[in-house]
Each structure stands twice: as C-alpha cells, then as structure tokens.
C-alpha cells in the first residue's frame, strides 16, 4: 500500500500568527515540531494499518519545516519545491493508493482560521466553478486527476466541515476553530491521538467511497489584492481580465488549471 501525505502548517494545532509559520523566526520552532509530530502520527497510523510506502510532501513555504529524523524509517520526504504545477502535491501520481492531508487551513475570504489564505496572501479569493477554493479543494482535484482517493484531513473546523460537504466519507480531525484574529485549539497531544485514530480507520477502510469526482469543466476566477497582479496575470494564454482586480480562466482539463494557477498566483 502506497500513500501520499501533503503537510501544511497553518492548520497545525495551536498556530495563530504568521511569525509562527516562518522558519526564520524563533516563534516557529515549536510549531514546526508540532507539524512534525502530526505528520509522524499520521505515518505511524498508516504503517500500523498496512502501508509499506509513504511519501511526505513538506508543503509549507520553503518546504523545509518537518524534521525528517523524527519520521518512521519507511517514510520518504520531499523537501523544497520543484516549481511544477502540482505544487503542494508534487510527487503524486496514479501509483498511489490514497492521499492524507495534515495541517491544512481555510481558504482566502473565509473566517475559519486567522491565517486563512489560498496559496499565498496576494489574492482576496480564488473561485473554481463559482465556489470558494481552498488549497484543500485545489489539491483534492489534483488527487482526483490521478484517480487517487483523499482519505483524511486535519485542520481548522470550517475547513473540515467543507471537506465533509465535498465527500462525507473523508475522515477529519478538527484541531482549531477561528474566532476573528484568534483561534480556539484542542490540546496538541489530543490532536496527535485523534489524527492517529482517524488515519488508521481511513487506511483500513474501503477506498472507493473516498474518491472525489473531478468536474468536467473549470471556470477559475481570482481576485488579487493589487490590481497590477491582475494585469500581469491577464497575459497568461486564455486568461482575461474581467475587472480591475479580477482575472478569469476556463478549461476542460484540470492540468491546464494547475498550470494557470502555478504561473499567475
């Protein structure tokens, strides 16, 4: 059994400030450790449930947040960025049996997390087919592109509720709940216990019910904070500027969407 884990940090238990996400700041030390522990818990549970090959993508900022020495010996880790269109899912292909997402957060323009954003802080929102698109949704569609089911998600409460709307079978662990510029988090040790339990149950389960259906067509809309970014993005082939800060793009192939997002976001 081969599993892919994409790990972010803004949905890690207890995190609430941008300095806590930056490896160049001392405030991040604890949260990089917690991120590592949450990924480790997911890996240990997956191995106990029968996984014999696990690839982890460190998918936050520099891609250098997880301590590889703390992960089980069966785990391979992708650090840094290739620059390719799969982004947070780099390394995924159709050879994997399932996807696990840890430390994820709510989308830009939502209130589920004080650090809510989509890919970066240069946009006010990203829409796919008129729906607010989180990094979770973007990456779920990437998994669906390769026919790989998404088994598990940990992160803030609002994002977990959104995941259940996409597919009610996805196992989730809510580690925090946004409240304005703050959040209410569960105990970090409890988070590890819940992640381990839910990942184990998911990996032991019937994967077919976790499969996400990929839409047949895609309409993407991005509203940038700075109008100059919208102007620049409008020159991407097939893109059009529909408002001073808004760029739109349509495609029937999701890889075309990923290429668009990779170059304009």
C-alpha atoms as a PDB file:
ATOM      1  CA  UNK A   1       0.000   0.000   0.000  1.00  0.00           C
ATOM      2  CA  UNK A   2       1.415   3.341  -1.102  1.00  0.00           C
ATOM      3  CA  UNK A   3       0.252   6.625   0.467  1.00  0.00           C
ATOM      4  CA  UNK A   4       0.967  10.305  -0.180  1.00  0.00           C
ATOM      5  CA  UNK A   5       0.911  12.872   2.632  1.00  0.00           C
ATOM      6  CA  UNK A   6       0.801  16.615   1.929  1.00  0.00           C
ATOM      7  CA  UNK A   7       1.549  18.621   5.071  1.00  0.00           C
ATOM      8  CA  UNK A   8       0.897  22.310   5.692  1.00  0.00           C
ATOM      9  CA  UNK A   9       1.364  24.310   8.898  1.00  0.00           C
ATOM     10  CA  UNK A  10      -1.376  26.968   9.214  1.00  0.00           C
ATOM     11  CA  UNK A  11      -3.817  24.244  10.223  1.00  0.00           C
ATOM     12  CA  UNK A  12      -1.441  22.757  12.780  1.00  0.00           C
ATOM     13  CA  UNK A  13      -2.758  22.654  16.345  1.00  0.00           C
ATOM     14  CA  UNK A  14      -2.449  25.981  18.170  1.00  0.00           C
ATOM     15  CA  UNK A  15      -0.927  28.114  15.452  1.00  0.00           C
ATOM     16  CA  UNK A  16      -2.321  31.640  15.150  1.00  0.00           C
ATOM     17  CA  UNK A  17       0.350  34.097  13.931  1.00  0.00           C
ATOM     18  CA  UNK A  18       2.373  34.432  10.711  1.00  0.00           C
ATOM     19  CA  UNK A  19       5.666  34.523  12.632  1.00  0.00           C
ATOM     20  CA  UNK A  20       4.832  31.049  13.916  1.00  0.00           C
ATOM     21  CA  UNK A  21       4.854  29.810  10.306  1.00  0.00           C
ATOM     22  CA  UNK A  22       8.240  31.275   9.333  1.00  0.00           C
ATOM     23  CA  UNK A  23      11.305  29.053   9.890  1.00  0.00           C
ATOM     24  CA  UNK A  24      13.443  32.190  10.059  1.00  0.00           C
ATOM     25  CA  UNK A  25      11.608  33.259  13.224  1.00  0.00           C
ATOM     26  CA  UNK A  26      12.176  31.707  16.635  1.00  0.00           C
ATOM     27  CA  UNK A  27       8.409  31.586  17.186  1.00  0.00           C
ATOM     28  CA  UNK A  28       8.150  28.850  14.537  1.00  0.00           C
ATOM     29  CA  UNK A  29      10.322  26.311  16.359  1.00  0.00           C
ATOM     30  CA  UNK A  30       7.516  24.879  18.463  1.00  0.00           C
ATOM     31  CA  UNK A  31       5.049  24.760  15.587  1.00  0.00           C
ATOM     32  CA  UNK A  32       7.476  23.076  13.190  1.00  0.00           C
ATOM     33  CA  UNK A  33       7.900  20.468  15.919  1.00  0.00           C
ATOM     34  CA  UNK A  34       4.122  20.117  16.258  1.00  0.00           C
ATOM     35  CA  UNK A  35       3.757  19.885  12.476  1.00  0.00           C
ATOM     36  CA  UNK A  36       6.362  17.114  12.502  1.00  0.00           C
ATOM     37  CA  UNK A  37       4.552  15.288  15.318  1.00  0.00           C
ATOM     38  CA  UNK A  38       1.230  15.439  13.469  1.00  0.00           C
ATOM     39  CA  UNK A  39       2.795  14.059  10.283  1.00  0.00           C
ATOM     40  CA  UNK A  40       4.560  11.388  12.333  1.00  0.00           C
ATOM     41  CA  UNK A  41       1.262  10.346  13.936  1.00  0.00           C
ATOM     42  CA  UNK A  42      -0.338  10.031  10.510  1.00  0.00           C
ATOM     43  CA  UNK A  43       2.613   7.975   9.227  1.00  0.00           C
ATOM     44  CA  UNK A  44       2.646   5.653  12.237  1.00  0.00           C
ATOM     45  CA  UNK A  45      -1.095   5.026  11.950  1.00  0.00           C
ATOM     46  CA  UNK A  46      -0.832   4.352   8.217  1.00  0.00           C
ATOM     47  CA  UNK A  47       2.008   1.871   8.760  1.00  0.00           C
ATOM     48  CA  UNK A  48       0.056   0.096  11.509  1.00  0.00           C
ATOM     49  CA  UNK A  49      -2.874  -0.153   9.089  1.00  0.00           C
ATOM     50  CA  UNK A  50      -0.729  -1.770   6.410  1.00  0.00           C
ATOM     51  CA  UNK A  51       1.023   0.972   4.427  1.00  0.00           C
ATOM     52  CA  UNK A  52       4.503  -0.053   3.303  1.00  0.00           C
ATOM     53  CA  UNK A  53       5.435   3.012   1.253  1.00  0.00           C
ATOM     54  CA  UNK A  54       4.720   6.600   2.341  1.00  0.00           C
ATOM     55  CA  UNK A  55       5.842   9.790   0.616  1.00  0.00           C
ATOM     56  CA  UNK A  56       5.507  13.054   2.556  1.00  0.00           C
ATOM     57  CA  UNK A  57       5.498  16.419   0.797  1.00  0.00           C
ATOM     58  CA  UNK A  58       6.537  19.238   3.129  1.00  0.00           C
ATOM     59  CA  UNK A  59       4.102  21.683   1.545  1.00  0.00           C
ATOM     60  CA  UNK A  60       4.534  24.870   3.565  1.00  0.00           C
ATOM     61  CA  UNK A  61       6.510  27.954   2.498  1.00  0.00           C
ATOM     62  CA  UNK A  62      10.149  26.869   1.988  1.00  0.00           C
ATOM     63  CA  UNK A  63       9.248  23.189   2.149  1.00  0.00           C
ATOM     64  CA  UNK A  64      11.801  22.773   4.958  1.00  0.00           C
ATOM     65  CA  UNK A  65       9.662  22.673   8.095  1.00  0.00           C
ATOM     66  CA  UNK A  66       9.458  18.981   9.013  1.00  0.00           C
ATOM     67  CA  UNK A  67      12.286  17.260  10.868  1.00  0.00           C
ATOM     68  CA  UNK A  68      12.896  14.138   8.708  1.00  0.00           C
ATOM     69  CA  UNK A  69      14.768  12.386  11.515  1.00  0.00           C
ATOM     70  CA  UNK A  70      11.540  12.200  13.546  1.00  0.00           C
ATOM     71  CA  UNK A  71       9.619  10.259  10.862  1.00  0.00           C
ATOM     72  CA  UNK A  72       9.439   6.450  10.596  1.00  0.00           C
ATOM     73  CA  UNK A  73      12.185   4.805   8.539  1.00  0.00           C
ATOM     74  CA  UNK A  74       9.722   3.705   5.830  1.00  0.00           C
ATOM     75  CA  UNK A  75       8.877   7.324   5.026  1.00  0.00           C
ATOM     76  CA  UNK A  76      10.412   9.300   2.170  1.00  0.00           C
ATOM     77  CA  UNK A  77      10.097  13.085   2.266  1.00  0.00           C
ATOM     78  CA  UNK A  78      10.035  15.697  -0.487  1.00  0.00           C
ATOM     79  CA  UNK A  79      11.572  18.954   0.750  1.00  0.00           C
ATOM     80  CA  UNK A  80      11.785  22.227  -1.169  1.00  0.00           C
ATOM     81  CA  UNK A  81       9.882  22.933  -4.395  1.00  0.00           C
ATOM     82  CA  UNK A  82      10.236  21.598  -7.913  1.00  0.00           C
ATOM     83  CA  UNK A  83       8.415  24.585  -9.412  1.00  0.00           C
ATOM     84  CA  UNK A  84       5.996  22.240 -11.169  1.00  0.00           C
ATOM     85  CA  UNK A  85       2.211  22.709 -11.403  1.00  0.00           C
ATOM     86  CA  UNK A  86       1.309  20.080  -8.784  1.00  0.00           C
ATOM     87  CA  UNK A  87       2.759  22.395  -6.108  1.00  0.00           C
ATOM     88  CA  UNK A  88       1.680  21.066  -2.696  1.00  0.00           C
ATOM     89  CA  UNK A  89       1.016  17.680  -4.295  1.00  0.00           C
ATOM     90  CA  UNK A  90       4.351  17.384  -6.101  1.00  0.00           C
ATOM     91  CA  UNK A  91       5.342  13.735  -6.280  1.00  0.00           C
ATOM     92  CA  UNK A  92       1.787  12.408  -6.557  1.00  0.00           C
ATOM     93  CA  UNK A  93       0.902  10.105  -9.447  1.00  0.00           C
ATOM     94  CA  UNK A  94      -1.523   7.274 -10.194  1.00  0.00           C
ATOM     95  CA  UNK A  95       0.680   4.699  -8.433  1.00  0.00           C
ATOM     96  CA  UNK A  96      -0.550   5.898  -5.015  1.00  0.00           C
ATOM     97  CA  UNK A  97      -3.465   4.256  -3.227  1.00  0.00           C
ATOM     98  CA  UNK A  98      -4.519   7.219  -1.107  1.00  0.00           C
ATOM     99  CA  UNK A  99      -3.842  10.806  -0.015  1.00  0.00           C
ATOM    100  CA  UNK A 100      -3.638  12.208   3.520  1.00  0.00           C
ATOM    101  CA  UNK A 101      -3.634  15.963   4.226  1.00  0.00           C
ATOM    102  CA  UNK A 102      -2.392  17.386   7.528  1.00  0.00           C
ATOM    103  CA  UNK A 103      -2.199  20.933   8.912  1.00  0.00           C
ATOM    104  CA  UNK A 104      -4.477  22.432   6.250  1.00  0.00           C
ATOM    105  CA  UNK A 105      -6.408  25.684   6.671  1.00  0.00           C
ATOM    106  CA  UNK A 106      -9.456  27.548   5.406  1.00  0.00           C
ATOM    107  CA  UNK A 107      -9.496  29.492   2.154  1.00  0.00           C
ATOM    108  CA  UNK A 108      -8.895  33.170   1.498  1.00  0.00           C
ATOM    109  CA  UNK A 109     -12.016  35.289   2.179  1.00  0.00           C
ATOM    110  CA  UNK A 110     -13.264  32.916   4.899  1.00  0.00           C
ATOM    111  CA  UNK A 111     -13.150  33.194   8.697  1.00  0.00           C
ATOM    112  CA  UNK A 112     -12.246  29.637   9.695  1.00  0.00           C
ATOM    113  CA  UNK A 113      -8.650  30.443  10.551  1.00  0.00           C
ATOM    114  CA  UNK A 114      -6.870  33.730  11.412  1.00  0.00           C
ATOM    115  CA  UNK A 115      -4.270  32.728   8.795  1.00  0.00           C
ATOM    116  CA  UNK A 116      -6.824  31.838   6.103  1.00  0.00           C
ATOM    117  CA  UNK A 117      -5.431  32.200   2.578  1.00  0.00           C
ATOM    118  CA  UNK A 118      -5.216  30.353  -0.721  1.00  0.00           C
ATOM    119  CA  UNK A 119      -1.666  29.557  -1.881  1.00  0.00           C
ATOM    120  CA  UNK A 120      -0.389  32.998  -0.820  1.00  0.00           C
ATOM    121  CA  UNK A 121      -1.626  36.309   0.549  1.00  0.00           C
ATOM    122  CA  UNK A 122      -1.625  38.158  -2.787  1.00  0.00           C
ATOM    123  CA  UNK A 123      -5.226  37.266  -3.580  1.00  0.00           C
ATOM    124  CA  UNK A 124      -8.533  38.020  -1.879  1.00  0.00           C
ATOM    125  CA  UNK A 125     -10.146  34.833  -3.172  1.00  0.00           C
ATOM    126  CA  UNK A 126      -9.881  32.024  -5.691  1.00  0.00           C
ATOM    127  CA  UNK A 127     -13.081  30.585  -7.161  1.00  0.00           C
ATOM    128  CA  UNK A 128     -13.441  27.329  -9.058  1.00  0.00           C
ATOM    129  CA  UNK A 129     -16.831  26.924 -10.728  1.00  0.00           C
ATOM    130  CA  UNK A 130     -18.151  29.803  -8.611  1.00  0.00           C
ATOM    131  CA  UNK A 131     -17.180  28.086  -5.332  1.00  0.00           C
ATOM    132  CA  UNK A 132     -14.584  29.408  -2.873  1.00  0.00           C
ATOM    133  CA  UNK A 133     -11.474  27.306  -3.494  1.00  0.00           C
ATOM    134  CA  UNK A 134      -9.163  26.375  -0.640  1.00  0.00           C
ATOM    135  CA  UNK A 135      -5.797  24.694  -1.051  1.00  0.00           C
ATOM    136  CA  UNK A 136      -7.635  21.598   0.154  1.00  0.00           C
ATOM    137  CA  UNK A 137     -10.072  21.753  -2.774  1.00  0.00           C
ATOM    138  CA  UNK A 138      -7.353  22.517  -5.325  1.00  0.00           C
ATOM    139  CA  UNK A 139      -5.324  19.555  -4.083  1.00  0.00           C
ATOM    140  CA  UNK A 140      -8.329  17.236  -3.857  1.00  0.00           C
ATOM    141  CA  UNK A 141      -8.971  17.871  -7.532  1.00  0.00           C
ATOM    142  CA  UNK A 142      -5.292  17.105  -8.197  1.00  0.00           C
ATOM    143  CA  UNK A 143      -5.748  13.774  -6.435  1.00  0.00           C
ATOM    144  CA  UNK A 144      -8.891  13.123  -8.470  1.00  0.00           C
ATOM    145  CA  UNK A 145      -6.950  13.873 -11.658  1.00  0.00           C
ATOM    146  CA  UNK A 146      -4.764  10.837 -10.875  1.00  0.00           C
ATOM    147  CA  UNK A 147      -7.716   8.775  -9.587  1.00  0.00           C
ATOM    148  CA  UNK A 148      -6.307   8.714  -6.054  1.00  0.00           C
ATOM    149  CA  UNK A 149      -8.824   8.992  -3.167  1.00  0.00           C
ATOM    150  CA  UNK A 150      -8.423  11.566  -0.378  1.00  0.00           C
ATOM    151  CA  UNK A 151      -8.719   9.648   2.882  1.00  0.00           C
ATOM    152  CA  UNK A 152      -8.021  12.145   5.659  1.00  0.00           C
ATOM    153  CA  UNK A 153      -7.781  15.831   6.540  1.00  0.00           C
ATOM    154  CA  UNK A 154      -6.683  17.652   9.687  1.00  0.00           C
ATOM    155  CA  UNK A 155      -7.028  21.397  10.141  1.00  0.00           C
ATOM    156  CA  UNK A 156      -9.466  24.044  11.306  1.00  0.00           C
ATOM    157  CA  UNK A 157     -13.152  23.330  11.918  1.00  0.00           C
ATOM    158  CA  UNK A 158     -14.529  25.305   8.968  1.00  0.00           C
ATOM    159  CA  UNK A 159     -12.233  23.535   6.505  1.00  0.00           C
ATOM    160  CA  UNK A 160     -13.173  20.138   7.925  1.00  0.00           C
ATOM    161  CA  UNK A 161     -16.855  20.990   7.506  1.00  0.00           C
ATOM    162  CA  UNK A 162     -16.146  21.989   3.911  1.00  0.00           C
ATOM    163  CA  UNK A 163     -14.380  18.659   3.345  1.00  0.00           C
ATOM    164  CA  UNK A 164     -17.454  16.778   4.526  1.00  0.00           C
ATOM    165  CA  UNK A 165     -19.548  18.726   2.010  1.00  0.00           C
ATOM    166  CA  UNK A 166     -17.211  17.603  -0.762  1.00  0.00           C
ATOM    167  CA  UNK A 167     -17.247  13.964   0.372  1.00  0.00           C
ATOM    168  CA  UNK A 168     -18.920  12.974   3.628  1.00  0.00           C
ATOM    169  CA  UNK A 169     -16.679   9.905   3.953  1.00  0.00           C
ATOM    170  CA  UNK A 170     -13.390  11.783   4.364  1.00  0.00           C
ATOM    171  CA  UNK A 171     -12.031  11.287   7.882  1.00  0.00           C
ATOM    172  CA  UNK A 172     -11.331  14.634   9.563  1.00  0.00           C
ATOM    173  CA  UNK A 173      -9.756  15.939  12.748  1.00  0.00           C
ATOM    174  CA  UNK A 174     -10.684  19.475  13.780  1.00  0.00           C
ATOM    175  CA  UNK A 175      -7.756  20.902  15.738  1.00  0.00           C
ATOM    176  CA  UNK A 176      -8.864  24.551  15.955  1.00  0.00           C
ATOM    177  CA  UNK A 177     -11.699  26.982  15.335  1.00  0.00           C
ATOM    178  CA  UNK A 178     -11.147  30.521  14.099  1.00  0.00           C
ATOM    179  CA  UNK A 179     -12.572  33.433  16.079  1.00  0.00           C
ATOM    180  CA  UNK A 180     -11.665  36.754  14.497  1.00  0.00           C
ATOM    181  CA  UNK A 181      -7.910  37.164  14.744  1.00  0.00           C
ATOM    182  CA  UNK A 182      -7.687  34.326  17.278  1.00  0.00           C
ATOM    183  CA  UNK A 183      -8.442  30.622  17.395  1.00  0.00           C
ATOM    184  CA  UNK A 184      -9.572  28.045  19.919  1.00  0.00           C
ATOM    185  CA  UNK A 185      -7.406  24.924  19.722  1.00  0.00           C
ATOM    186  CA  UNK A 186      -7.643  21.491  21.241  1.00  0.00           C
ATOM    187  CA  UNK A 187      -4.770  20.071  23.302  1.00  0.00           C
ATOM    188  CA  UNK A 188      -1.838  19.229  20.978  1.00  0.00           C
ATOM    189  CA  UNK A 189      -1.402  15.739  22.464  1.00  0.00           C
ATOM    190  CA  UNK A 190      -5.103  15.062  21.938  1.00  0.00           C
ATOM    191  CA  UNK A 191      -4.695  16.167  18.321  1.00  0.00           C
ATOM    192  CA  UNK A 192      -1.982  13.535  17.802  1.00  0.00           C
ATOM    193  CA  UNK A 193      -4.192  10.838  19.310  1.00  0.00           C
ATOM    194  CA  UNK A 194      -7.157  11.780  17.118  1.00  0.00           C
ATOM    195  CA  UNK A 195      -5.034  12.003  13.965  1.00  0.00           C
ATOM    196  CA  UNK A 196      -3.609   8.559  14.639  1.00  0.00           C
ATOM    197  CA  UNK A 197      -7.047   7.012  15.202  1.00  0.00           C
ATOM    198  CA  UNK A 198      -8.739   8.571  12.179  1.00  0.00           C
ATOM    199  CA  UNK A 199      -5.853   7.859   9.791  1.00  0.00           C
ATOM    200  CA  UNK A 200      -5.757   4.233  10.925  1.00  0.00           C
ATOM    201  CA  UNK A 201      -9.510   3.873  10.362  1.00  0.00           C
ATOM    202  CA  UNK A 202      -9.298   5.530   6.938  1.00  0.00           C
ATOM    203  CA  UNK A 203      -6.402   3.399   5.700  1.00  0.00           C
ATOM    204  CA  UNK A 204      -8.218   0.251   6.843  1.00  0.00           C
ATOM    205  CA  UNK A 205     -11.422   1.301   5.074  1.00  0.00           C
ATOM    206  CA  UNK A 206     -12.834   0.819   1.559  1.00  0.00           C
ATOM    207  CA  UNK A 207     -11.045   3.436  -0.559  1.00  0.00           C
ATOM    208  CA  UNK A 208     -13.662   3.663  -3.300  1.00  0.00           C
ATOM    209  CA  UNK A 209     -16.023   5.750  -1.184  1.00  0.00           C
ATOM    210  CA  UNK A 210     -13.276   8.347  -0.644  1.00  0.00           C
ATOM    211  CA  UNK A 211     -12.867   9.071  -4.352  1.00  0.00           C
ATOM    212  CA  UNK A 212     -13.673  12.639  -5.389  1.00  0.00           C
ATOM    213  CA  UNK A 213     -15.393  13.321  -8.698  1.00  0.00           C
ATOM    214  CA  UNK A 214     -13.494  15.737 -10.917  1.00  0.00           C
ATOM    215  CA  UNK A 215     -15.716  18.335 -12.658  1.00  0.00           C
ATOM    216  CA  UNK A 216     -15.908  18.115 -16.441  1.00  0.00           C
ATOM    217  CA  UNK A 217     -15.206  21.819 -16.917  1.00  0.00           C
ATOM    218  CA  UNK A 218     -13.498  24.514 -14.876  1.00  0.00           C
ATOM    219  CA  UNK A 219     -14.119  28.232 -14.552  1.00  0.00           C
ATOM    220  CA  UNK A 220     -11.466  29.877 -12.394  1.00  0.00           C
ATOM    221  CA  UNK A 221     -11.691  33.407 -11.016  1.00  0.00           C
ATOM    222  CA  UNK A 222      -9.001  35.128  -8.946  1.00  0.00           C
ATOM    223  CA  UNK A 223      -9.408  38.477  -7.237  1.00  0.00           C
ATOM    224  CA  UNK A 224      -5.992  39.939  -6.457  1.00  0.00           C
ATOM    225  CA  UNK A 225      -5.300  42.447  -3.696  1.00  0.00           C
ATOM    226  CA  UNK A 226      -3.142  44.548  -6.055  1.00  0.00           C
ATOM    227  CA  UNK A 227      -4.527  45.477  -9.461  1.00  0.00           C
ATOM    228  CA  UNK A 228      -1.072  45.182 -11.046  1.00  0.00           C
ATOM    229  CA  UNK A 229      -1.036  41.447 -10.325  1.00  0.00           C
ATOM    230  CA  UNK A 230      -4.354  41.059 -12.131  1.00  0.00           C
ATOM    231  CA  UNK A 231      -2.980  42.980 -15.098  1.00  0.00           C
ATOM    232  CA  UNK A 232       0.086  40.743 -15.226  1.00  0.00           C
ATOM    233  CA  UNK A 233      -1.974  37.537 -14.897  1.00  0.00           C
ATOM    234  CA  UNK A 234      -4.248  38.606 -17.747  1.00  0.00           C
ATOM    235  CA  UNK A 235      -1.417  37.918 -20.205  1.00  0.00           C
ATOM    236  CA  UNK A 236      -1.444  34.189 -19.426  1.00  0.00           C
ATOM    237  CA  UNK A 237      -2.733  32.399 -22.581  1.00  0.00           C
ATOM    238  CA  UNK A 238      -6.511  32.027 -22.337  1.00  0.00           C
ATOM    239  CA  UNK A 239      -6.883  34.321 -19.321  1.00  0.00           C
ATOM    240  CA  UNK A 240      -8.953  37.502 -19.367  1.00  0.00           C
ATOM    241  CA  UNK A 241      -9.207  40.451 -17.026  1.00  0.00           C
ATOM    242  CA  UNK A 242     -12.878  40.948 -16.161  1.00  0.00           C
ATOM    243  CA  UNK A 243     -12.364  43.712 -13.604  1.00  0.00           C
ATOM    244  CA  UNK A 244      -9.524  45.864 -12.348  1.00  0.00           C
ATOM    245  CA  UNK A 245      -8.511  43.185  -9.810  1.00  0.00           C
ATOM    246  CA  UNK A 246     -10.116  40.061 -11.301  1.00  0.00           C
ATOM    247  CA  UNK A 247      -8.762  37.533 -13.795  1.00  0.00           C
ATOM    248  CA  UNK A 248     -10.715  34.575 -15.186  1.00  0.00           C
ATOM    249  CA  UNK A 249      -9.667  31.375 -16.925  1.00  0.00           C
ATOM    250  CA  UNK A 250     -11.650  28.446 -18.334  1.00  0.00           C
ATOM    251  CA  UNK A 251     -10.525  24.923 -19.206  1.00  0.00           C
ATOM    252  CA  UNK A 252     -11.833  21.385 -19.593  1.00  0.00           C
ATOM    253  CA  UNK A 253      -8.532  19.804 -18.485  1.00  0.00           C
ATOM    254  CA  UNK A 254      -7.606  20.253 -14.822  1.00  0.00           C
ATOM    255  CA  UNK A 255      -3.892  20.155 -15.607  1.00  0.00           C
ATOM    256  CA  UNK A 256      -4.455  23.351 -17.608  1.00  0.00           C
ATOM    257  CA  UNK A 257      -5.964  24.860 -14.455  1.00  0.00           C
ATOM    258  CA  UNK A 258      -2.953  23.816 -12.402  1.00  0.00           C
ATOM    259  CA  UNK A 259      -0.596  25.352 -14.947  1.00  0.00           C
ATOM    260  CA  UNK A 260      -2.598  28.594 -14.842  1.00  0.00           C
ATOM    261  CA  UNK A 261      -2.548  28.729 -11.034  1.00  0.00           C
ATOM    262  CA  UNK A 262       1.162  27.898 -10.963  1.00  0.00           C
ATOM    263  CA  UNK A 263       2.049  30.842 -13.181  1.00  0.00           C
ATOM    264  CA  UNK A 264      -0.356  33.553 -12.004  1.00  0.00           C
ATOM    265  CA  UNK A 265      -0.748  33.034  -8.233  1.00  0.00           C
END
